[in-house]
C-alpha atoms as a PDB file:
ATOM      1  CA  MET A   1     -18.354  46.419  31.651  1.00  0.00           C
ATOM      2  CA  ALA A   2     -21.540  46.520  33.660  1.00  0.00           C
ATOM      3  CA  ASP A   3     -24.886  46.790  32.306  1.00  0.00           C
ATOM      4  CA  ILE A   4     -26.364  50.227  33.497  1.00  0.00           C
ATOM      5  CA  THR A   5     -30.015  51.263  33.111  1.00  0.00           C
ATOM      6  CA  ARG A   6     -31.533  54.966  33.326  1.00  0.00           C
ATOM      7  CA  ARG A   7     -34.201  55.481  34.677  1.00  0.00           C
ATOM      8  CA  LEU A   8     -35.873  58.817  35.797  1.00  0.00           C
ATOM      9  CA  GLY A   9     -32.439  59.963  37.621  1.00  0.00           C
ATOM     10  CA  TRP A  10     -32.327  56.881  39.004  1.00  0.00           C
ATOM     11  CA  ARG A  11     -29.795  53.911  37.673  1.00  0.00           C
ATOM     12  CA  HIS A  12     -30.040  49.792  37.645  1.00  0.00           C
ATOM     13  CA  LEU A  13     -26.978  48.056  37.479  1.00  0.00           C
ATOM     14  CA  ARG A  14     -26.797  44.551  36.796  1.00  0.00           C
ATOM     15  CA  GLY A  15     -23.461  43.121  37.291  1.00  0.00           C
ATOM     16  CA  ALA A  16     -21.573  39.448  35.424  1.00  0.00           C
ATOM     17  CA  PRO A  17     -20.943  36.588  37.898  1.00  0.00           C
ATOM     18  CA  THR A  18     -17.091  37.317  37.044  1.00  0.00           C
ATOM     19  CA  ALA A  19     -17.206  40.863  38.376  1.00  0.00           C
ATOM     20  CA  HIS A  20     -17.005  41.825  41.529  1.00  0.00           C
ATOM     21  CA  ILE A  21     -19.303  45.097  41.757  1.00  0.00           C
ATOM     22  CA  ARG A  22     -18.184  47.701  45.363  1.00  0.00           C
ATOM     23  CA  HIS A  23     -20.733  50.643  46.128  1.00  0.00           C
ATOM     24  CA  HIS A  24     -19.717  53.284  48.364  1.00  0.00           C
ATOM     25  CA  ARG A  25     -21.984  56.388  49.054  1.00  0.00           C
ATOM     26  CA  GLY A  26     -21.485  58.970  51.313  1.00  0.00           C
ATOM     27  CA  GLY A  27     -17.563  56.852  51.774  1.00  0.00           C
ATOM     28  CA  LYS A  28     -19.871  54.245  53.551  1.00  0.00           C
ATOM     29  CA  LEU A  29     -19.768  50.257  51.173  1.00  0.00           C
ATOM     30  CA  LEU A  30     -23.541  49.519  50.500  1.00  0.00           C
ATOM     31  CA  HIS A  31     -22.984  46.731  47.692  1.00  0.00           C
ATOM     32  CA  ASP A  32     -20.037  44.460  47.850  1.00  0.00           C
ATOM     33  CA  GLY A  33     -20.342  41.370  45.831  1.00  0.00           C
ATOM     34  CA  PRO A  34     -19.862  39.693  42.411  1.00  0.00           C
ATOM     35  CA  GLY A  35     -22.889  39.376  39.919  1.00  0.00           C
ATOM     36  CA  LEU A  36     -24.985  42.230  42.010  1.00  0.00           C
ATOM     37  CA  SER A  37     -28.085  44.409  40.826  1.00  0.00           C
ATOM     38  CA  PHE A  38     -29.295  47.268  42.462  1.00  0.00           C
ATOM     39  CA  TRP A  39     -30.570  50.753  42.054  1.00  0.00           C
ATOM     40  CA  TYR A  40     -28.847  54.020  42.454  1.00  0.00           C
ATOM     41  CA  ARG A  41     -28.363  57.920  41.863  1.00  0.00           C
ATOM     42  CA  ALA A  42     -24.969  58.485  39.753  1.00  0.00           C
ATOM     43  CA  LEU A  43     -24.225  61.802  41.720  1.00  0.00           C
ATOM     44  CA  THR A  44     -23.796  60.100  45.167  1.00  0.00           C
ATOM     45  CA  ALA A  45     -22.653  56.870  44.174  1.00  0.00           C
ATOM     46  CA  ALA A  46     -18.933  55.800  43.754  1.00  0.00           C
ATOM     47  CA  LEU A  47     -18.728  52.080  41.960  1.00  0.00           C
ATOM     48  CA  SER A  48     -16.117  49.818  41.183  1.00  0.00           C
ATOM     49  CA  GLU A  49     -15.895  46.146  39.301  1.00  0.00           C
ATOM     50  CA  VAL A  50     -12.968  44.220  39.358  1.00  0.00           C
ATOM     51  CA  PRO A  51     -13.426  41.384  36.851  1.00  0.00           C
ATOM     52  CA  VAL A  52     -12.725  38.032  39.104  1.00  0.00           C
ATOM     53  CA  ASP A  53     -12.337  34.906  36.172  1.00  0.00           C
ATOM     54  CA  ASP A  54      -8.838  34.139  34.855  1.00  0.00           C
ATOM     55  CA  ARG A  55      -7.195  35.934  32.511  1.00  0.00           C
ATOM     56  CA  GLU A  56      -4.380  34.977  30.209  1.00  0.00           C
ATOM     57  CA  LEU A  57      -1.605  37.573  29.692  1.00  0.00           C
ATOM     58  CA  ALA A  58       0.497  37.153  26.419  1.00  0.00           C
ATOM     59  CA  MET A  59       4.029  38.436  26.543  1.00  0.00           C
ATOM     60  CA  THR A  60       7.105  38.853  24.406  1.00  0.00           C
ATOM     61  CA  PHE A  61      10.741  40.422  25.311  1.00  0.00           C
ATOM     62  CA  HIS A  62      14.050  39.902  24.357  1.00  0.00           C
ATOM     63  CA  ALA A  63      16.675  38.695  26.612  1.00  0.00           C
ATOM     64  CA  ARG A  64      20.616  38.491  26.221  1.00  0.00           C
ATOM     65  CA  THR A  65      22.596  34.853  26.853  1.00  0.00           C
ATOM     66  CA  ALA A  66      25.493  34.109  28.679  1.00  0.00           C
ATOM     67  CA  ASP A  67      27.513  34.450  25.429  1.00  0.00           C
ATOM     68  CA  PHE A  68      25.919  37.473  24.287  1.00  0.00           C
ATOM     69  CA  GLN A  69      23.352  36.270  21.811  1.00  0.00           C
ATOM     70  CA  ASP A  70      19.673  37.473  21.571  1.00  0.00           C
ATOM     71  CA  VAL A  71      16.923  35.667  21.667  1.00  0.00           C
ATOM     72  CA  ALA A  72      13.468  36.022  21.869  1.00  0.00           C
ATOM     73  CA  VAL A  73      10.856  34.990  24.853  1.00  0.00           C
ATOM     74  CA  GLN A  74       7.517  34.494  23.886  1.00  0.00           C
ATOM     75  CA  ALA A  75       5.338  33.184  27.767  1.00  0.00           C
ATOM     76  CA  THR A  76       1.353  33.422  28.607  1.00  0.00           C
ATOM     77  CA  VAL A  77       0.763  34.097  32.365  1.00  0.00           C
ATOM     78  CA  THR A  78      -2.535  33.238  33.875  1.00  0.00           C
ATOM     79  CA  TYR A  79      -3.822  35.200  36.539  1.00  0.00           C
ATOM     80  CA  ARG A  80      -6.810  36.186  38.711  1.00  0.00           C
ATOM     81  CA  ILE A  81      -7.671  38.727  41.130  1.00  0.00           C
ATOM     82  CA  SER A  82      -7.566  36.791  44.571  1.00  0.00           C
ATOM     83  CA  ASP A  83      -8.565  39.922  46.648  1.00  0.00           C
ATOM     84  CA  PRO A  84     -11.192  42.254  44.815  1.00  0.00           C
ATOM     85  CA  ALA A  85     -11.379  44.742  47.893  1.00  0.00           C
ATOM     86  CA  THR A  86      -7.277  45.269  47.695  1.00  0.00           C
ATOM     87  CA  ALA A  87      -6.995  44.983  43.999  1.00  0.00           C
ATOM     88  CA  ALA A  88      -9.659  47.960  44.187  1.00  0.00           C
ATOM     89  CA  ALA A  89      -7.383  50.223  46.575  1.00  0.00           C
ATOM     90  CA  ARG A  90      -4.290  49.459  44.810  1.00  0.00           C
ATOM     91  CA  LEU A  91      -5.776  50.024  41.701  1.00  0.00           C
ATOM     92  CA  ASP A  92      -8.377  52.518  39.813  1.00  0.00           C
ATOM     93  CA  PHE A  93     -11.266  50.061  38.967  1.00  0.00           C
ATOM     94  CA  SER A  94     -13.883  52.522  39.295  1.00  0.00           C
ATOM     95  CA  ILE A  95     -16.395  52.897  36.504  1.00  0.00           C
ATOM     96  CA  ASP A  96     -18.530  55.854  35.467  1.00  0.00           C
ATOM     97  CA  PRO A  97     -21.996  55.937  37.048  1.00  0.00           C
ATOM     98  CA  ASP A  98     -23.252  56.592  33.596  1.00  0.00           C
ATOM     99  CA  THR A  99     -21.686  54.747  30.860  1.00  0.00           C
ATOM    100  CA  GLY A 100     -20.119  51.714  32.925  1.00  0.00           C
ATOM    101  CA  VAL A 101     -17.045  52.053  31.739  1.00  0.00           C
ATOM    102  CA  TRP A 102     -13.653  52.330  33.852  1.00  0.00           C
ATOM    103  CA  ARG A 103     -12.375  55.775  34.227  1.00  0.00           C
ATOM    104  CA  GLY A 104      -8.429  54.180  33.784  1.00  0.00           C
ATOM    105  CA  ALA A 105      -7.149  51.472  32.969  1.00  0.00           C
ATOM    106  CA  PRO A 106      -6.212  48.831  35.609  1.00  0.00           C
ATOM    107  CA  LEU A 107      -5.780  45.482  33.637  1.00  0.00           C
ATOM    108  CA  GLU A 108      -2.939  47.187  31.378  1.00  0.00           C
ATOM    109  CA  GLN A 109      -1.373  48.432  35.075  1.00  0.00           C
ATOM    110  CA  LEU A 110      -1.733  44.227  36.111  1.00  0.00           C
ATOM    111  CA  GLY A 111       0.015  43.714  32.461  1.00  0.00           C
ATOM    112  CA  THR A 112       2.876  45.715  33.143  1.00  0.00           C
ATOM    113  CA  LEU A 113       3.286  44.883  36.275  1.00  0.00           C
ATOM    114  CA  LEU A 114       3.203  40.714  35.906  1.00  0.00           C
ATOM    115  CA  THR A 115       5.299  41.371  32.415  1.00  0.00           C
ATOM    116  CA  GLU A 116       7.762  43.287  33.995  1.00  0.00           C
ATOM    117  CA  THR A 117       8.228  40.839  36.664  1.00  0.00           C
ATOM    118  CA  ALA A 118       8.519  37.144  34.094  1.00  0.00           C
ATOM    119  CA  GLN A 119      10.842  39.693  32.425  1.00  0.00           C
ATOM    120  CA  GLN A 120      12.877  40.631  35.070  1.00  0.00           C
ATOM    121  CA  HIS A 121      13.058  36.555  36.136  1.00  0.00           C
ATOM    122  CA  ALA A 122      13.712  35.112  32.599  1.00  0.00           C
ATOM    123  CA  LEU A 123      16.285  38.008  31.944  1.00  0.00           C
ATOM    124  CA  ASP A 124      18.474  36.537  35.047  1.00  0.00           C
ATOM    125  CA  VAL A 125      18.209  32.757  34.421  1.00  0.00           C
ATOM    126  CA  LEU A 126      18.886  33.380  30.489  1.00  0.00           C
ATOM    127  CA  ALA A 127      22.272  35.662  31.272  1.00  0.00           C
ATOM    128  CA  ARG A 128      23.894  33.276  32.800  1.00  0.00           C
ATOM    129  CA  THR A 129      22.823  30.273  30.108  1.00  0.00           C
ATOM    130  CA  PRO A 130      25.040  29.929  26.994  1.00  0.00           C
ATOM    131  CA  LEU A 131      22.360  29.764  23.695  1.00  0.00           C
ATOM    132  CA  ALA A 132      23.003  26.199  22.778  1.00  0.00           C
ATOM    133  CA  ALA A 133      22.046  25.672  26.011  1.00  0.00           C
ATOM    134  CA  ALA A 134      18.939  28.023  26.434  1.00  0.00           C
ATOM    135  CA  LEU A 135      17.747  26.511  23.358  1.00  0.00           C
ATOM    136  CA  ALA A 136      18.246  22.794  24.493  1.00  0.00           C
ATOM    137  CA  ASP A 137      16.281  23.586  28.020  1.00  0.00           C
ATOM    138  CA  GLY A 138      16.004  26.810  28.392  1.00  0.00           C
ATOM    139  CA  VAL A 139      12.217  26.753  28.110  1.00  0.00           C
ATOM    140  CA  THR A 140      11.844  24.620  31.162  1.00  0.00           C
ATOM    141  CA  ALA A 141      14.526  26.680  33.512  1.00  0.00           C
ATOM    142  CA  VAL A 142      12.371  30.070  31.750  1.00  0.00           C
ATOM    143  CA  ARG A 143       9.326  28.897  33.016  1.00  0.00           C
ATOM    144  CA  GLU A 144      10.164  27.278  36.543  1.00  0.00           C
ATOM    145  CA  ARG A 145      12.288  30.732  36.956  1.00  0.00           C
ATOM    146  CA  ILE A 146       8.771  32.877  36.287  1.00  0.00           C
ATOM    147  CA  ALA A 147       6.849  30.764  38.490  1.00  0.00           C
ATOM    148  CA  ALA A 148       8.780  31.037  41.615  1.00  0.00           C
ATOM    149  CA  GLY A 149       9.852  34.397  40.739  1.00  0.00           C
ATOM    150  CA  LEU A 150       5.843  35.727  40.147  1.00  0.00           C
ATOM    151  CA  ALA A 151       5.378  33.195  43.038  1.00  0.00           C
ATOM    152  CA  GLY A 152       7.623  35.054  45.058  1.00  0.00           C
ATOM    153  CA  GLU A 153       6.709  38.758  44.343  1.00  0.00           C
ATOM    154  CA  PRO A 154       4.950  40.845  47.344  1.00  0.00           C
ATOM    155  CA  ARG A 155       3.741  43.739  44.801  1.00  0.00           C
ATOM    156  CA  LEU A 156       1.208  40.640  43.910  1.00  0.00           C
ATOM    157  CA  PRO A 157      -0.324  39.642  46.635  1.00  0.00           C
ATOM    158  CA  GLY A 158       0.256  43.210  47.790  1.00  0.00           C
ATOM    159  CA  THR A 159      -2.037  44.507  44.705  1.00  0.00           C
ATOM    160  CA  GLY A 160      -4.936  41.471  44.976  1.00  0.00           C
ATOM    161  CA  ILE A 161      -3.784  39.226  42.306  1.00  0.00           C
ATOM    162  CA  GLU A 162      -2.442  35.332  42.330  1.00  0.00           C
ATOM    163  CA  VAL A 163      -0.926  33.905  39.222  1.00  0.00           C
ATOM    164  CA  VAL A 164      -2.636  30.341  38.725  1.00  0.00           C
ATOM    165  CA  ALA A 165      -0.080  29.299  35.973  1.00  0.00           C
ATOM    166  CA  VAL A 166       3.117  30.169  33.285  1.00  0.00           C
ATOM    167  CA  ARG A 167       3.667  29.040  30.377  1.00  0.00           C
ATOM    168  CA  VAL A 168       6.693  29.584  28.133  1.00  0.00           C
ATOM    169  CA  VAL A 169       4.989  29.110  24.292  1.00  0.00           C
ATOM    170  CA  ALA A 170       8.889  29.673  22.776  1.00  0.00           C
ATOM    171  CA  LEU A 171      12.691  30.869  23.218  1.00  0.00           C
ATOM    172  CA  ARG A 172      13.496  31.709  19.627  1.00  0.00           C
ATOM    173  CA  PRO A 173      16.993  33.666  18.567  1.00  0.00           C
ATOM    174  CA  GLU A 174      17.928  35.694  15.776  1.00  0.00           C
ATOM    175  CA  PRO A 175      16.975  34.799  12.641  1.00  0.00           C
ATOM    176  CA  GLU A 176      20.368  34.807  11.498  1.00  0.00           C
ATOM    177  CA  VAL A 177      21.722  32.563  14.383  1.00  0.00           C
ATOM    178  CA  GLU A 178      18.806  30.561  14.064  1.00  0.00           C
ATOM    179  CA  ARG A 179      19.686  29.835  10.267  1.00  0.00           C
ATOM    180  CA  ALA A 180      23.272  29.189  11.628  1.00  0.00           C
ATOM    181  CA  LEU A 181      22.090  26.850  14.381  1.00  0.00           C
ATOM    182  CA  ARG A 182      20.039  24.992  11.325  1.00  0.00           C
ATOM    183  CA  THR A 183      22.867  24.808   8.704  1.00  0.00           C
ATOM    184  CA  PRO A 184      24.505  21.749  10.429  1.00  0.00           C
ATOM    185  CA  ALA A 185      21.115  19.987  11.876  1.00  0.00           C
ATOM    186  CA  ARG A 186      20.079  20.690   7.816  1.00  0.00           C
ATOM    187  CA  GLU A 187      23.480  19.297   6.656  1.00  0.00           C
ATOM    188  CA  GLN A 188      23.270  16.403   8.834  1.00  0.00           C
ATOM    189  CA  ILE A 189      19.632  15.483   8.273  1.00  0.00           C
ATOM    190  CA  GLN A 190      21.050  15.996   4.618  1.00  0.00           C
ATOM    191  CA  GLN A 191      23.933  13.896   4.544  1.00  0.00           C
ATOM    192  CA  GLU A 192      21.321  11.250   6.085  1.00  0.00           C
ATOM    193  CA  ALA A 193      19.439  11.431   3.055  1.00  0.00           C
ATOM    194  CA  ASP A 194      22.391  11.588   0.764  1.00  0.00           C
ATOM    195  CA  ARG A 195      22.893   8.278   2.495  1.00  0.00           C
ATOM    196  CA  ALA A 196      19.793   7.068   2.416  1.00  0.00           C
ATOM    197  CA  THR A 197      19.712   7.419  -1.110  1.00  0.00           C
ATOM    198  CA  TYR A 198      23.182   5.910  -1.736  1.00  0.00           C
ATOM    199  CA  GLU A 199      22.263   2.999  -0.112  1.00  0.00           C
ATOM    200  CA  ARG A 200      18.443   3.268  -2.350  1.00  0.00           C
ATOM    201  CA  ARG A 201      20.789   3.299  -5.080  1.00  0.00           C
ATOM    202  CA  ALA A 202      23.239   1.036  -3.707  1.00  0.00           C
ATOM    203  CA  VAL A 203      20.702  -1.659  -3.470  1.00  0.00           C
ATOM    204  CA  ALA A 204      18.686  -0.954  -6.390  1.00  0.00           C
ATOM    205  CA  VAL A 205      22.231  -1.192  -8.460  1.00  0.00           C
ATOM    206  CA  GLU A 206      22.628  -4.800  -6.526  1.00  0.00           C
ATOM    207  CA  ARG A 207      19.186  -5.009  -7.508  1.00  0.00           C
ATOM    208  CA  GLU A 208      19.904  -4.758 -10.633  1.00  0.00           C
ATOM    209  CA  ARG A 209      23.142  -6.480 -11.562  1.00  0.00           C
ATOM    210  CA  ALA A 210      21.048  -9.380  -9.776  1.00  0.00           C
ATOM    211  CA  ILE A 211      18.677  -8.856 -11.894  1.00  0.00           C
ATOM    212  CA  ALA A 212      21.131  -8.996 -14.913  1.00  0.00           C
ATOM    213  CA  GLU A 213      22.670 -12.258 -13.563  1.00  0.00           C
ATOM    214  CA  ASN A 214      19.214 -13.668 -13.832  1.00  0.00           C
ATOM    215  CA  GLU A 215      18.776 -13.093 -17.195  1.00  0.00           C
ATOM    216  CA  LEU A 216      21.785 -13.621 -18.406  1.00  0.00           C
ATOM    217  CA  ALA A 217      21.705 -16.678 -16.953  1.00  0.00           C
ATOM    218  CA  SER A 218      18.133 -17.342 -18.697  1.00  0.00           C
ATOM    219  CA  GLN A 219      19.484 -16.557 -21.708  1.00  0.00           C
ATOM    220  CA  ILE A 220      22.644 -18.777 -21.140  1.00  0.00           C
ATOM    221  CA  GLU A 221      20.404 -21.641 -20.440  1.00  0.00           C
ATOM    222  CA  LEU A 222      17.866 -20.999 -23.162  1.00  0.00           C
ATOM    223  CA  ALA A 223      20.962 -20.714 -25.775  1.00  0.00           C
ATOM    224  CA  ARG A 224      22.103 -24.612 -24.034  1.00  0.00           C
ATOM    225  CA  ARG A 225      18.528 -25.742 -24.515  1.00  0.00           C
ATOM    226  CA  GLU A 226      17.828 -24.149 -27.941  1.00  0.00           C
ATOM    227  CA  GLU A 227      21.626 -25.662 -29.067  1.00  0.00           C
ATOM    228  CA  GLN A 228      19.942 -28.623 -27.764  1.00  0.00           C
ATOM    229  CA  LEU A 229      16.874 -28.182 -29.829  1.00  0.00           C
ATOM    230  CA  VAL A 230      18.895 -28.326 -32.391  1.00  0.00           C
ATOM    231  CA  ASP A 231      21.114 -30.806 -32.097  1.00  0.00           C
ATOM    232  CA  GLN A 232      17.623 -32.682 -31.523  1.00  0.00           C
ATOM    233  CA  ARG A 233      16.309 -31.560 -34.840  1.00  0.00           C
ATOM    234  CA  GLY A 234      19.495 -32.218 -36.763  1.00  0.00           C
ATOM    235  CA  THR A 235      19.225 -35.770 -35.318  1.00  0.00           C
ATOM    236  CA  ASN A 236      15.636 -35.961 -36.097  1.00  0.00           C
ATOM    237  CA  ALA A 237      16.236 -34.657 -39.547  1.00  0.00           C
ATOM    238  CA  ARG A 238      19.005 -37.469 -40.029  1.00  0.00           C
ATOM    239  CA  ARG A 239      16.291 -39.774 -38.791  1.00  0.00           C
ATOM    240  CA  GLU A 240      13.719 -38.578 -40.871  1.00  0.00           C
ATOM    241  CA  ALA A 241      16.432 -38.431 -43.848  1.00  0.00           C
ATOM    242  CA  GLU A 242      17.960 -41.801 -43.291  1.00  0.00           C
ATOM    243  CA  GLU A 243      14.453 -43.347 -42.728  1.00  0.00           C
ATOM    244  CA  GLY A 244      12.951 -41.749 -45.537  1.00  0.00           C
ATOM    245  CA  ALA A 245      15.971 -43.255 -47.781  1.00  0.00           C
ATOM    246  CA  ALA A 246      15.471 -46.194 -46.912  1.00  0.00           C
ATOM    247  CA  ALA A 247      11.453 -46.084 -47.089  1.00  0.00           C
ATOM    248  CA  ASP A 248      12.552 -44.761 -50.832  1.00  0.00           C
ATOM    249  CA  ALA A 249      14.986 -47.595 -51.317  1.00  0.00           C
ATOM    250  CA  VAL A 250      12.598 -50.253 -50.329  1.00  0.00           C
ATOM    251  CA  ARG A 251       9.870 -48.258 -52.602  1.00  0.00           C
ATOM    252  CA  ALA A 252      12.653 -48.518 -55.216  1.00  0.00           C
ATOM    253  CA  GLU A 253      13.483 -52.596 -54.716  1.00  0.00           C
ATOM    254  CA  ALA A 254       9.776 -52.937 -54.729  1.00  0.00           C
ATOM    255  CA  GLU A 255       9.056 -51.162 -57.920  1.00  0.00           C
ATOM    256  CA  ALA A 256      12.211 -52.709 -59.531  1.00  0.00           C
ATOM    257  CA  ALA A 257      10.860 -55.891 -58.410  1.00  0.00           C
ATOM    258  CA  ARG A 258       7.655 -55.250 -59.813  1.00  0.00           C
ATOM    259  CA  THR A 259       9.188 -53.759 -62.921  1.00  0.00           C
ATOM    260  CA  VAL A 260      10.901 -57.343 -63.198  1.00  0.00           C
ATOM    261  CA  ARG A 261       8.048 -59.133 -62.984  1.00  0.00           C
ATOM    262  CA  LEU A 262       6.189 -57.563 -65.166  1.00  0.00           C
ATOM    263  CA  ALA A 263       9.089 -57.238 -67.805  1.00  0.00           C
ATOM    264  CA  GLU A 264       9.331 -60.896 -67.269  1.00  0.00           C
ATOM    265  CA  ALA A 265       5.619 -61.086 -67.127  1.00  0.00           C
ATOM    266  CA  GLU A 266       5.437 -59.108 -70.652  1.00  0.00           C
ATOM    267  CA  ALA A 267       8.139 -60.526 -71.585  1.00  0.00           C
ATOM    268  CA  THR A 268       6.672 -64.252 -71.170  1.00  0.00           C
ATOM    269  CA  ARG A 269       3.467 -63.189 -72.787  1.00  0.00           C
ATOM    270  CA  SER A 270       4.526 -61.864 -76.151  1.00  0.00           C
ATOM    271  CA  VAL A 271       6.700 -64.673 -76.156  1.00  0.00           C
ATOM    272  CA  ARG A 272       4.000 -66.414 -76.179  1.00  0.00           C
ATOM    273  CA  LEU A 273       1.854 -64.281 -78.076  1.00  0.00           C
ATOM    274  CA  ALA A 274       4.651 -64.794 -80.677  1.00  0.00           C
ATOM    275  CA  ARG A 275       4.593 -68.487 -80.224  1.00  0.00           C
ATOM    276  CA  ALA A 276       0.963 -67.852 -81.354  1.00  0.00           C
ATOM    277  CA  GLU A 277       1.431 -65.722 -83.714  1.00  0.00           C
ATOM    278  CA  ALA A 278       3.577 -67.489 -85.398  1.00  0.00           C
ATOM    279  CA  GLU A 279       1.642 -71.051 -84.741  1.00  0.00           C
ATOM    280  CA  GLY A 280      -1.285 -69.044 -86.034  1.00  0.00           C
ATOM    281  CA  ALA A 281       0.688 -67.579 -89.791  1.00  0.00           C
ATOM    282  CA  ARG A 282       1.612 -71.167 -89.467  1.00  0.00           C
ATOM    283  CA  GLU A 283      -1.755 -72.712 -89.351  1.00  0.00           C
ATOM    284  CA  VAL A 284      -3.114 -70.560 -91.453  1.00  0.00           C
ATOM    285  CA  GLY A 285      -0.108 -70.890 -94.466  1.00  0.00           C
ATOM    286  CA  GLU A 286      -0.916 -74.564 -94.326  1.00  0.00           C
ATOM    287  CA  ALA A 287      -4.029 -73.921 -94.517  1.00  0.00           C
ATOM    288  CA  ARG A 288      -4.057 -71.396 -97.472  1.00  0.00           C
ATOM    289  CA  ALA A 289      -1.440 -73.825 -99.221  1.00  0.00           C
ATOM    290  CA  GLN A 290      -4.046 -76.510 -98.544  1.00  0.00           C
ATOM    291  CA  ALA A 291      -6.483 -74.373-100.263  1.00  0.00           C
ATOM    292  CA  GLN A 292      -4.633 -73.293-103.047  1.00  0.00           C
ATOM    293  CA  ALA A 293      -3.718 -77.195-103.684  1.00  0.00           C
ATOM    294  CA  ALA A 294      -6.846 -78.117-103.358  1.00  0.00           C
ATOM    295  CA  TRP A 295      -7.942 -74.878-105.527  1.00  0.00           C
ATOM    296  CA  LEU A 296      -5.219 -76.237-107.790  1.00  0.00           C
ATOM    297  CA  ARG A 297      -6.249 -79.522-108.089  1.00  0.00           C
ATOM    298  CA  VAL A 298      -9.628 -78.701-108.470  1.00  0.00           C
ATOM    299  CA  HIS A 299      -9.024 -76.507-111.637  1.00  0.00           C
ATOM    300  CA  SER A 300      -7.082 -78.648-113.240  1.00  0.00           C
ATOM    301  CA  ASP A 301      -9.464 -80.296-114.860  1.00  0.00           C
ATOM    302  CA  VAL A 302     -11.798 -77.957-116.183  1.00  0.00           C
ATOM    303  CA  ASP A 303     -11.299 -76.264-119.682  1.00  0.00           C
ATOM    304  CA  VAL A 304     -10.202 -72.887-120.427  1.00  0.00           C
ATOM    305  CA  ALA A 305     -13.815 -71.372-120.968  1.00  0.00           C
ATOM    306  CA  THR A 306     -14.569 -72.182-116.986  1.00  0.00           C
ATOM    307  CA  LEU A 307     -11.556 -71.037-115.895  1.00  0.00           C
ATOM    308  CA  HIS A 308     -12.413 -67.690-117.865  1.00  0.00           C
ATOM    309  CA  ALA A 309     -15.413 -67.367-116.506  1.00  0.00           C
ATOM    310  CA  LEU A 310     -14.649 -67.916-113.368  1.00  0.00           C
ATOM    311  CA  THR A 311     -12.447 -65.522-113.460  1.00  0.00           C
ATOM    312  CA  GLY A 312     -14.209 -62.839-114.156  1.00  0.00           C
ATOM    313  CA  THR A 313     -16.901 -64.307-111.270  1.00  0.00           C
ATOM    314  CA  ARG A 314     -13.916 -63.802-109.227  1.00  0.00           C
ATOM    315  CA  LEU A 315     -13.015 -60.294-110.580  1.00  0.00           C
ATOM    316  CA  ALA A 316     -16.192 -58.750-110.390  1.00  0.00           C
ATOM    317  CA  GLU A 317     -16.190 -60.324-106.139  1.00  0.00           C
ATOM    318  CA  ASN A 318     -13.428 -58.297-106.074  1.00  0.00           C
ATOM    319  CA  LEU A 319     -14.392 -54.832-107.922  1.00  0.00           C
ATOM    320  CA  PRO A 320     -16.499 -51.910-106.450  1.00  0.00           C
ATOM    321  CA  ARG A 321     -19.857 -51.324-107.224  1.00  0.00           C
ATOM    322  CA  ILE A 322     -20.491 -50.317-111.027  1.00  0.00           C
ATOM    323  CA  ASP A 323     -23.791 -49.636-112.194  1.00  0.00           C
ATOM    324  CA  SER A 324     -22.635 -49.509-115.932  1.00  0.00           C
ATOM    325  CA  VAL A 325     -19.645 -50.929-118.203  1.00  0.00           C
ATOM    326  CA  THR A 326     -18.925 -49.989-121.549  1.00  0.00           C
ATOM    327  CA  VAL A 327     -17.034 -52.578-122.812  1.00  0.00           C
ATOM    328  CA  THR A 328     -15.586 -51.529-126.368  1.00  0.00           C
ATOM    329  CA  PRO A 329     -13.987 -54.060-129.165  1.00  0.00           C
ATOM    330  CA  ASP A 330     -10.952 -52.933-128.256  1.00  0.00           C
ATOM    331  CA  LEU A 331     -11.222 -53.687-124.927  1.00  0.00           C
ATOM    332  CA  LEU A 332     -12.001 -57.136-124.897  1.00  0.00           C
ATOM    333  CA  THR A 333     -10.057 -57.951-127.772  1.00  0.00           C
ATOM    334  CA  GLY A 334      -6.973 -57.253-125.219  1.00  0.00           C
ATOM    335  CA  LEU A 335      -8.318 -59.102-122.251  1.00  0.00           C
ATOM    336  CA  LEU A 336      -9.224 -62.023-124.269  1.00  0.00           C
ATOM    337  CA  SER A 337      -5.592 -61.847-125.749  1.00  0.00           C
ATOM    338  CA  ARG A 338      -3.913 -61.505-122.695  1.00  0.00           C
ATOM    339  CA  LEU A 339      -6.301 -64.736-121.309  1.00  0.00           C
ATOM    340  CA  GLY A 340      -4.745 -66.566-124.101  1.00  0.00           C
ATOM    341  CA  ALA A 341      -0.666 -65.597-123.129  1.00  0.00           C
ATOM    342  CA  ARG A 342      -1.962 -67.139-119.757  1.00  0.00           C
ATOM    343  CA  GLU A 343      -2.670 -70.281-121.001  1.00  0.00           C
END
């Protein structure tokens, strides 16, 4: 939209570089070109503003395929107004001299023209194409057909329109049909997923079996080694028992020999001691006999009174210590009588 400024009954228009301005007054063209800036009177001016930039027109329409299936086509057409004078002459691009707003809706008319033309060519190509082929290769075919149809449409150059590019964004069937078409692919994908799952499980089972076999082999090897260890321990225990028994036998023999030696030595010592004691006893007996004989020989010539005195002396030596002795006549008489009887 042009920028218009008011000054004392005059108007000043300042256009954009992408807008082609045409100024008529009294049927004469005074200004013609993009990005113009000029003064004018609103009562006598006839202004047109034609956009010359590239514009995108999005369109969505329904079509039917050769097997009577409805599809939705989403496309975008890029166009520009290459001949502003022709476009201003064929379409109403006039603007209000006070506000700069279009009096009509020229871009909507262009959109309707382009949409109907593109739809006509898309319907033509889809009507001869089955749904499966349309979904597989229909986007390219529809785009090429729309581009060729718009390029060969005589109304577009006659209106000053140039088509820059055509893009078909999507070509989709109805939701129920789309779900039905997705089902085989989903089932195939699910089958592939299930197959992959089964294969993964099979691999996992095979690995678990290998692991179990390895564990069993390890257990068997451990059991075999434990058996060898038990046998070796038994052999070692028997060897230790045999060696211990041999050592005990050696110790017993040594102890017995030592005991025998000690017994023999003890017997020999006992015999020697007995002999020595017997010899000593004999010698003591002989000495006592000789002493007794000598004593008797000595006392054989001694009188009785002397013997009594010696006897009393010997008796006194053998008696315990007596601090005082009371001798009564009866005791002395009996003692003397006993002594006399011995003589």
